[in-house]
Amino acid sequence: MTPYLIAARAGIVCWVTLTLMPVEVVFDWLEDEIERRPCGSMHR
């Protein structure tokens, strides 16, 4: 049973990683955009 648990754990970790990857990419892009723009440009 232990090999099945290890395989299930690996599958869950892989699935979560692949699911959250686009979220991380978008978050990093937004963070870079916020750093590039001066603070005053947020309020027009």
Protein backbone atom coordinates (compact mmCIF):
# COMPACT_ATOMS: atom_id res chain seq x y z
CA MET A 1 0.00 0.00 0.00
CA THR A 2 2.91 2.36 0.65
CA PRO A 3 3.91 2.56 -3.04
CA TYR A 4 0.35 3.58 -3.89
CA LEU A 5 0.42 6.34 -1.29
CA ILE A 6 3.75 7.61 -2.61
CA ALA A 7 2.41 7.58 -6.17
CA ALA A 8 -0.78 9.35 -5.10
CA ARG A 9 1.24 11.99 -3.25
CA ALA A 10 3.46 12.56 -6.29
CA GLY A 11 0.40 12.87 -8.51
CA ILE A 12 -1.23 15.40 -6.20
CA VAL A 13 1.96 17.47 -5.94
CA CYS A 14 2.36 17.45 -9.72
CA TRP A 15 -1.28 18.40 -10.30
CA VAL A 16 -1.17 21.28 -7.80
CA THR A 17 2.10 22.56 -9.27
CA LEU A 18 0.73 22.55 -12.81
CA THR A 19 -2.55 24.11 -11.70
CA LEU A 20 -0.94 26.99 -9.82
CA MET A 21 1.79 27.74 -12.37
CA PRO A 22 -0.33 30.17 -14.48
CA VAL A 23 -1.43 31.97 -11.30
CA GLU A 24 2.20 32.43 -10.28
CA VAL A 25 3.16 33.74 -13.73
CA VAL A 26 0.33 36.30 -13.71
CA PHE A 27 1.15 37.36 -10.13
CA ASP A 28 4.83 37.89 -11.03
CA TRP A 29 3.84 39.90 -14.10
CA LEU A 30 1.54 42.13 -12.05
CA GLU A 31 4.21 42.59 -9.41
CA ASP A 32 6.72 43.69 -12.07
CA GLU A 33 4.21 46.14 -13.56
CA ILE A 34 3.56 47.70 -10.15
CA GLU A 35 7.32 48.12 -9.56
CA ARG A 36 7.85 49.70 -12.98
CA ARG A 37 5.16 52.34 -12.63
CA PRO A 38 5.62 55.33 -10.34
CA CYS A 39 3.26 55.53 -7.37
CA GLY A 40 1.44 58.60 -8.70
CA SER A 41 0.22 56.90 -11.85
CA MET A 42 -2.15 54.63 -9.93
CA HIS A 43 -4.58 57.49 -9.15
CA ARG A 44 -5.77 59.39 -12.19
